[in-house]
N, C-alpha and C. Protein backbone atom coordinates (compact mmCIF):
# COMPACT_ATOMS: atom_id res chain seq x y z
N MET A 1 -18.28 -17.34 20.84
CA MET A 1 -16.93 -16.97 20.76
C MET A 1 -16.72 -15.77 19.95
N SER A 2 -15.98 -14.76 20.36
CA SER A 2 -15.82 -13.48 19.63
C SER A 2 -14.80 -13.72 18.51
N LYS A 3 -15.02 -12.82 17.49
CA LYS A 3 -13.95 -12.82 16.34
C LYS A 3 -12.71 -12.42 16.78
N LYS A 4 -11.67 -13.01 16.26
CA LYS A 4 -10.29 -12.65 16.45
C LYS A 4 -9.79 -11.83 15.27
N TYR A 5 -9.13 -10.73 15.62
CA TYR A 5 -8.57 -9.82 14.51
C TYR A 5 -7.07 -9.94 14.47
N THR A 6 -6.48 -10.02 13.25
CA THR A 6 -5.04 -9.89 13.10
C THR A 6 -4.62 -8.44 13.47
N THR A 7 -3.33 -8.21 13.60
CA THR A 7 -2.90 -6.85 13.91
C THR A 7 -3.37 -5.90 12.77
N LYS A 8 -3.29 -6.25 11.58
CA LYS A 8 -3.67 -5.39 10.47
C LYS A 8 -5.17 -5.09 10.62
N GLU A 9 -6.01 -6.13 10.82
CA GLU A 9 -7.41 -5.97 10.99
C GLU A 9 -7.81 -5.19 12.27
N ALA A 10 -7.02 -5.31 13.32
CA ALA A 10 -7.24 -4.56 14.53
C ALA A 10 -6.92 -3.05 14.26
N VAL A 11 -5.93 -2.71 13.55
CA VAL A 11 -5.65 -1.33 13.25
C VAL A 11 -6.80 -0.77 12.34
N GLU A 12 -7.37 -1.49 11.42
CA GLU A 12 -8.40 -1.04 10.63
C GLU A 12 -9.73 -0.83 11.39
N LEU A 13 -9.97 -1.71 12.35
CA LEU A 13 -11.17 -1.60 13.26
C LEU A 13 -10.98 -0.42 14.15
N LEU A 14 -9.84 -0.28 14.74
CA LEU A 14 -9.63 0.94 15.62
C LEU A 14 -9.81 2.21 14.86
N ALA A 15 -9.43 2.20 13.61
CA ALA A 15 -9.53 3.43 12.76
C ALA A 15 -11.01 3.78 12.52
N THR A 16 -11.78 2.81 12.34
CA THR A 16 -13.29 3.05 12.22
C THR A 16 -13.91 3.66 13.44
N TRP A 17 -13.23 3.50 14.56
CA TRP A 17 -13.72 4.09 15.82
C TRP A 17 -13.05 5.42 16.11
N GLY A 18 -12.18 5.86 15.10
CA GLY A 18 -11.50 7.10 15.42
C GLY A 18 -10.20 7.11 16.17
N VAL A 19 -9.69 5.92 16.42
CA VAL A 19 -8.45 5.64 17.10
C VAL A 19 -7.42 5.21 16.14
N ASN A 20 -6.52 6.08 15.73
CA ASN A 20 -5.60 5.85 14.63
C ASN A 20 -4.19 5.39 15.16
N PHE A 21 -3.81 4.18 14.92
CA PHE A 21 -2.51 3.78 15.19
C PHE A 21 -2.01 2.89 14.05
N THR A 22 -0.70 2.78 13.88
CA THR A 22 -0.16 1.95 12.80
C THR A 22 0.13 0.48 13.37
N LYS A 23 0.26 -0.39 12.48
CA LYS A 23 0.57 -1.79 12.84
C LYS A 23 1.81 -1.83 13.63
N GLY A 24 2.84 -0.91 13.15
CA GLY A 24 4.14 -0.89 13.85
C GLY A 24 3.93 -0.48 15.32
N THR A 25 3.06 0.47 15.50
CA THR A 25 2.79 0.91 16.97
C THR A 25 2.30 -0.29 17.85
N LEU A 26 1.35 -0.99 17.28
CA LEU A 26 0.87 -2.19 18.06
C LEU A 26 2.01 -3.22 18.33
N ASP A 27 2.85 -3.40 17.31
CA ASP A 27 3.97 -4.30 17.41
C ASP A 27 4.87 -3.91 18.55
N VAL A 28 5.26 -2.59 18.54
CA VAL A 28 6.09 -2.11 19.64
C VAL A 28 5.45 -2.20 21.01
N TRP A 29 4.21 -1.92 21.05
CA TRP A 29 3.50 -1.93 22.36
C TRP A 29 3.46 -3.35 22.85
N ARG A 30 3.34 -4.31 22.04
CA ARG A 30 3.38 -5.72 22.48
C ARG A 30 4.70 -6.09 23.10
N CYS A 31 5.78 -5.60 22.48
CA CYS A 31 7.10 -5.88 23.00
C CYS A 31 7.28 -5.19 24.39
N ARG A 32 6.63 -4.07 24.58
CA ARG A 32 6.79 -3.32 25.81
C ARG A 32 5.75 -3.75 26.85
N LYS A 33 4.84 -4.75 26.51
CA LYS A 33 3.76 -5.19 27.29
C LYS A 33 2.89 -4.03 27.65
N GLU A 34 2.52 -3.28 26.52
CA GLU A 34 1.53 -2.16 26.64
C GLU A 34 0.43 -2.33 25.59
N GLY A 35 -0.46 -1.44 25.44
CA GLY A 35 -1.51 -1.53 24.45
C GLY A 35 -2.64 -2.51 24.71
N PRO A 36 -3.41 -2.82 23.78
CA PRO A 36 -4.58 -3.73 24.07
C PRO A 36 -4.16 -5.11 24.37
N LYS A 37 -4.91 -5.82 25.12
CA LYS A 37 -4.69 -7.29 25.28
C LYS A 37 -4.71 -8.03 24.00
N TYR A 38 -3.86 -9.11 23.89
CA TYR A 38 -3.89 -9.88 22.74
C TYR A 38 -3.70 -11.39 23.01
N ILE A 39 -3.96 -12.12 22.06
CA ILE A 39 -3.80 -13.60 22.15
C ILE A 39 -2.76 -14.02 21.18
N LYS A 40 -1.91 -14.90 21.75
CA LYS A 40 -0.85 -15.46 20.84
C LYS A 40 -1.08 -16.97 20.65
N LEU A 41 -1.31 -17.34 19.39
CA LEU A 41 -1.51 -18.78 19.00
C LEU A 41 -0.37 -19.21 18.09
N ARG A 42 0.50 -19.99 18.76
CA ARG A 42 1.74 -20.30 18.13
C ARG A 42 2.57 -19.08 17.81
N ASN A 43 2.71 -18.67 16.52
CA ASN A 43 3.49 -17.52 16.27
C ASN A 43 2.59 -16.40 15.64
N ARG A 44 1.29 -16.55 15.87
CA ARG A 44 0.29 -15.52 15.38
C ARG A 44 -0.30 -14.76 16.44
N ILE A 45 -0.52 -13.53 16.20
CA ILE A 45 -1.06 -12.56 17.18
C ILE A 45 -2.52 -12.20 16.74
N PHE A 46 -3.46 -12.23 17.70
CA PHE A 46 -4.84 -11.84 17.47
C PHE A 46 -5.32 -10.99 18.62
N TYR A 47 -6.37 -10.07 18.31
CA TYR A 47 -6.95 -9.24 19.20
C TYR A 47 -8.45 -9.65 19.17
N THR A 48 -9.09 -9.48 20.31
CA THR A 48 -10.60 -9.57 20.40
C THR A 48 -11.22 -8.17 20.23
N GLU A 49 -12.46 -8.17 19.80
CA GLU A 49 -13.11 -6.85 19.72
C GLU A 49 -13.29 -6.30 21.12
N GLU A 50 -13.57 -7.19 22.06
CA GLU A 50 -13.69 -6.65 23.45
C GLU A 50 -12.45 -5.93 23.99
N SER A 51 -11.30 -6.55 23.71
CA SER A 51 -10.09 -5.92 24.19
C SER A 51 -9.78 -4.63 23.46
N LEU A 52 -10.09 -4.58 22.18
CA LEU A 52 -9.90 -3.36 21.41
C LEU A 52 -10.91 -2.23 21.89
N LEU A 53 -12.10 -2.64 22.17
CA LEU A 53 -13.09 -1.61 22.71
C LEU A 53 -12.63 -1.11 24.01
N GLN A 54 -12.18 -1.97 24.90
CA GLN A 54 -11.77 -1.58 26.17
C GLN A 54 -10.61 -0.58 26.02
N PHE A 55 -9.56 -0.96 25.23
CA PHE A 55 -8.42 -0.16 24.97
C PHE A 55 -8.77 1.21 24.42
N SER A 56 -9.66 1.19 23.38
CA SER A 56 -10.03 2.45 22.71
C SER A 56 -10.79 3.35 23.65
N GLY A 57 -11.35 2.91 24.62
CA GLY A 57 -12.04 3.80 25.62
C GLY A 57 -11.12 4.62 26.44
N GLY A 58 -9.81 4.29 26.53
CA GLY A 58 -8.82 5.04 27.20
C GLY A 58 -8.81 4.74 28.65
N LEU A 59 -7.98 5.45 29.36
CA LEU A 59 -7.92 5.26 30.84
C LEU A 59 -8.46 6.50 31.51
N GLU A 60 -9.28 6.29 32.57
CA GLU A 60 -9.90 7.36 33.24
C GLU A 60 -8.82 7.97 34.19
N ILE A 61 -8.63 9.24 34.09
CA ILE A 61 -7.65 9.93 34.94
C ILE A 61 -8.36 10.77 35.94
N LYS A 62 -7.97 10.57 37.14
CA LYS A 62 -8.59 11.37 38.33
C LYS A 62 -7.59 12.51 38.61
N THR A 63 -8.15 13.76 38.67
CA THR A 63 -7.31 14.87 39.11
C THR A 63 -7.76 15.36 40.43
N THR A 64 -7.07 16.30 40.96
CA THR A 64 -7.48 16.71 42.28
C THR A 64 -8.80 17.52 42.27
N ASP A 65 -9.10 18.11 41.05
CA ASP A 65 -10.43 18.79 41.06
C ASP A 65 -11.51 17.90 40.43
N SER A 66 -11.38 16.56 40.37
CA SER A 66 -12.35 15.68 39.94
C SER A 66 -13.39 15.56 41.07
N GLU A 67 -14.62 15.28 40.62
CA GLU A 67 -15.62 15.06 41.68
C GLU A 67 -15.45 13.68 42.18
N VAL A 68 -15.72 13.55 43.46
CA VAL A 68 -15.51 12.23 44.21
C VAL A 68 -16.72 11.38 43.92
């Protein structure tokens, strides 16, 4: 089972990977159903390292001049 990170810990872990967001940003994204996947246990929020890694990798954008 992977470690679960609180929002504060998730922000700190993302920062070590060069992805800098505030706790408030993650809070807003959760309300908008954006950002990394999270787990809600009762009234507490947790992130897994896998979901943070996937999110920090960004989204691949295909442009018209991208190779097929």
